[in-house]
Amino acid sequence: MDKLSNLIPRVLNKRGLKDEAGASYVTFLTAQWIEENLPEYTSYLSVSKKSDTTIVIESDHAIASQELSQVKEVLLGYINTHEGINIDDIFITRSGNTAN
C-alpha cells in the first residue's frame, strides 16, 4: 500500500495540477507568515499570485507596504526554508483599492 505522501504528488502530477498546488502552498505560507508577524496589517495585504520564482503581494495601504518592505528578506528566507520551494523575489504592489 502506498503512503499518502507518495500518492498525492503522483496524482497531482498525473492530472497536471502539481504547479497549481505548489503555487497555492507558497501563497498559503506567505499569508500565514503575514498573519503571524504583521497582524495589524493583515487586512491590507493579500498574496495575489506567484509566478515561477516570484511572489506578488498587493497592498491597500502605504504603511502596510512599507512595513512589509522592511521584513521582505526575512519572509523570503522563511518561505525558502520549506522543502521544494525556491522563491527569488517578492514584489509588493499597490492595489487599486488604496485606503491612503
C-alpha atoms as a PDB file:
ATOM      1  CA  MET A   1       0.000   0.000   0.000  1.00  0.00           C
ATOM      2  CA  ASP A   2       1.287   3.453  -0.946  1.00  0.00           C
ATOM      3  CA  LYS A   3       1.806   6.173   1.605  1.00  0.00           C
ATOM      4  CA  LEU A   4      -0.385   9.214   1.215  1.00  0.00           C
ATOM      5  CA  SER A   5       2.725  11.410   0.994  1.00  0.00           C
ATOM      6  CA  ASN A   6       3.770   9.487  -2.131  1.00  0.00           C
ATOM      7  CA  LEU A   7       0.316   9.173  -3.641  1.00  0.00           C
ATOM      8  CA  ILE A   8      -0.735  12.841  -3.624  1.00  0.00           C
ATOM      9  CA  PRO A   9       2.233  14.168  -5.659  1.00  0.00           C
ATOM     10  CA  ARG A  10       1.755  11.419  -8.256  1.00  0.00           C
ATOM     11  CA  VAL A  11      -1.949  12.159  -8.651  1.00  0.00           C
ATOM     12  CA  LEU A  12      -1.361  15.922  -8.864  1.00  0.00           C
ATOM     13  CA  ASN A  13       1.342  15.410 -11.470  1.00  0.00           C
ATOM     14  CA  LYS A  14      -0.804  12.988 -13.467  1.00  0.00           C
ATOM     15  CA  ARG A  15      -3.709  15.463 -13.518  1.00  0.00           C
ATOM     16  CA  GLY A  16      -1.471  18.417 -14.379  1.00  0.00           C
ATOM     17  CA  LEU A  17      -2.093  20.161 -11.073  1.00  0.00           C
ATOM     18  CA  LYS A  18       1.353  19.975  -9.493  1.00  0.00           C
ATOM     19  CA  ASP A  19       2.340  23.571 -10.327  1.00  0.00           C
ATOM     20  CA  GLU A  20      -1.008  24.948  -9.154  1.00  0.00           C
ATOM     21  CA  ALA A  21      -0.752  23.051  -5.865  1.00  0.00           C
ATOM     22  CA  GLY A  22       2.791  24.329  -5.344  1.00  0.00           C
ATOM     23  CA  ALA A  23       1.737  27.916  -6.009  1.00  0.00           C
ATOM     24  CA  SER A  24      -1.175  27.500  -3.629  1.00  0.00           C
ATOM     25  CA  TYR A  25       1.136  26.206  -0.901  1.00  0.00           C
ATOM     26  CA  VAL A  26       3.528  29.140  -1.311  1.00  0.00           C
ATOM     27  CA  THR A  27       0.596  31.561  -1.201  1.00  0.00           C
ATOM     28  CA  PHE A  28      -0.678  29.881   1.974  1.00  0.00           C
ATOM     29  CA  LEU A  29       2.746  30.035   3.664  1.00  0.00           C
ATOM     30  CA  THR A  30       3.137  33.710   2.774  1.00  0.00           C
ATOM     31  CA  ALA A  31      -0.317  34.662   4.064  1.00  0.00           C
ATOM     32  CA  GLN A  32       0.259  32.670   7.249  1.00  0.00           C
ATOM     33  CA  TRP A  33       3.596  34.413   7.876  1.00  0.00           C
ATOM     34  CA  ILE A  34       1.992  37.826   7.361  1.00  0.00           C
ATOM     35  CA  GLU A  35      -0.789  36.968   9.832  1.00  0.00           C
ATOM     36  CA  GLU A  36       1.727  35.871  12.470  1.00  0.00           C
ATOM     37  CA  ASN A  37       4.325  38.626  12.001  1.00  0.00           C
ATOM     38  CA  LEU A  38       2.333  41.645  10.810  1.00  0.00           C
ATOM     39  CA  PRO A  39      -1.118  41.058  12.321  1.00  0.00           C
ATOM     40  CA  GLU A  40      -2.074  44.732  12.313  1.00  0.00           C
ATOM     41  CA  TYR A  41      -1.613  44.884   8.524  1.00  0.00           C
ATOM     42  CA  THR A  42      -3.158  41.546   7.544  1.00  0.00           C
ATOM     43  CA  SER A  43      -6.342  43.171   6.274  1.00  0.00           C
ATOM     44  CA  TYR A  44      -4.323  45.450   3.958  1.00  0.00           C
ATOM     45  CA  LEU A  45      -2.052  42.797   2.433  1.00  0.00           C
ATOM     46  CA  SER A  46      -3.075  39.985   0.125  1.00  0.00           C
ATOM     47  CA  VAL A  47      -0.947  37.487  -1.699  1.00  0.00           C
ATOM     48  CA  SER A  48      -2.372  37.699  -5.188  1.00  0.00           C
ATOM     49  CA  LYS A  49      -0.206  35.374  -7.244  1.00  0.00           C
ATOM     50  CA  LYS A  50       3.037  33.524  -7.618  1.00  0.00           C
ATOM     51  CA  SER A  51       4.717  33.243 -10.980  1.00  0.00           C
ATOM     52  CA  ASP A  52       7.613  30.789 -11.208  1.00  0.00           C
ATOM     53  CA  THR A  53      10.026  32.125  -8.589  1.00  0.00           C
ATOM     54  CA  THR A  54       8.262  35.359  -7.672  1.00  0.00           C
ATOM     55  CA  ILE A  55       5.542  36.176  -5.163  1.00  0.00           C
ATOM     56  CA  VAL A  56       3.363  39.243  -5.709  1.00  0.00           C
ATOM     57  CA  ILE A  57       1.710  40.823  -2.682  1.00  0.00           C
ATOM     58  CA  GLU A  58      -0.887  43.542  -3.157  1.00  0.00           C
ATOM     59  CA  SER A  59      -1.202  46.249  -0.541  1.00  0.00           C
ATOM     60  CA  ASP A  60      -4.157  48.540   0.122  1.00  0.00           C
ATOM     61  CA  HIS A  61      -2.214  50.806   2.460  1.00  0.00           C
ATOM     62  CA  ALA A  62       1.097  52.684   2.170  1.00  0.00           C
ATOM     63  CA  ILE A  63       2.200  51.928   5.738  1.00  0.00           C
ATOM     64  CA  ALA A  64       1.484  48.211   5.276  1.00  0.00           C
ATOM     65  CA  SER A  65       3.646  48.274   2.144  1.00  0.00           C
ATOM     66  CA  GLN A  66       6.445  49.992   3.999  1.00  0.00           C
ATOM     67  CA  GLU A  67       6.330  47.589   6.948  1.00  0.00           C
ATOM     68  CA  LEU A  68       6.331  44.566   4.643  1.00  0.00           C
ATOM     69  CA  SER A  69       9.227  46.014   2.643  1.00  0.00           C
ATOM     70  CA  GLN A  70      11.298  46.202   5.815  1.00  0.00           C
ATOM     71  CA  VAL A  71      10.837  42.485   6.574  1.00  0.00           C
ATOM     72  CA  LYS A  72      10.749  41.219   2.987  1.00  0.00           C
ATOM     73  CA  GLU A  73      14.102  39.407   3.260  1.00  0.00           C
ATOM     74  CA  VAL A  74      13.003  37.648   6.456  1.00  0.00           C
ATOM     75  CA  LEU A  75       9.806  36.491   4.731  1.00  0.00           C
ATOM     76  CA  LEU A  76      11.798  35.314   1.718  1.00  0.00           C
ATOM     77  CA  GLY A  77      14.121  33.327   3.972  1.00  0.00           C
ATOM     78  CA  TYR A  78      11.176  31.737   5.785  1.00  0.00           C
ATOM     79  CA  ILE A  79       9.500  30.633   2.570  1.00  0.00           C
ATOM     80  CA  ASN A  80      12.704  29.170   1.161  1.00  0.00           C
ATOM     81  CA  THR A  81      13.281  27.044   4.270  1.00  0.00           C
ATOM     82  CA  HIS A  82      10.459  24.771   3.138  1.00  0.00           C
ATOM     83  CA  GLU A  83      11.462  21.773   1.067  1.00  0.00           C
ATOM     84  CA  GLY A  84      10.972  22.093  -2.679  1.00  0.00           C
ATOM     85  CA  ILE A  85      10.372  25.846  -2.651  1.00  0.00           C
ATOM     86  CA  ASN A  86      12.736  28.252  -4.371  1.00  0.00           C
ATOM     87  CA  ILE A  87      11.496  31.835  -4.438  1.00  0.00           C
ATOM     88  CA  ASP A  88      13.894  34.519  -5.696  1.00  0.00           C
ATOM     89  CA  ASP A  89      11.922  37.697  -5.097  1.00  0.00           C
ATOM     90  CA  ILE A  90       8.836  39.230  -3.551  1.00  0.00           C
ATOM     91  CA  PHE A  91       7.133  42.153  -5.298  1.00  0.00           C
ATOM     92  CA  ILE A  92       4.943  44.475  -3.268  1.00  0.00           C
ATOM     93  CA  THR A  93       2.442  46.382  -5.376  1.00  0.00           C
ATOM     94  CA  ARG A  94      -0.284  48.859  -4.566  1.00  0.00           C
ATOM     95  CA  SER A  95      -3.767  47.609  -5.334  1.00  0.00           C
ATOM     96  CA  GLY A  96      -6.497  49.667  -6.941  1.00  0.00           C
ATOM     97  CA  ASN A  97      -8.377  49.841  -3.613  1.00  0.00           C
ATOM     98  CA  THR A  98      -5.904  52.064  -1.834  1.00  0.00           C
ATOM     99  CA  ALA A  99      -7.001  53.483   1.506  1.00  0.00           C
ATOM    100  CA  ASN A 100      -4.186  56.041   1.766  1.00  0.00           C
END
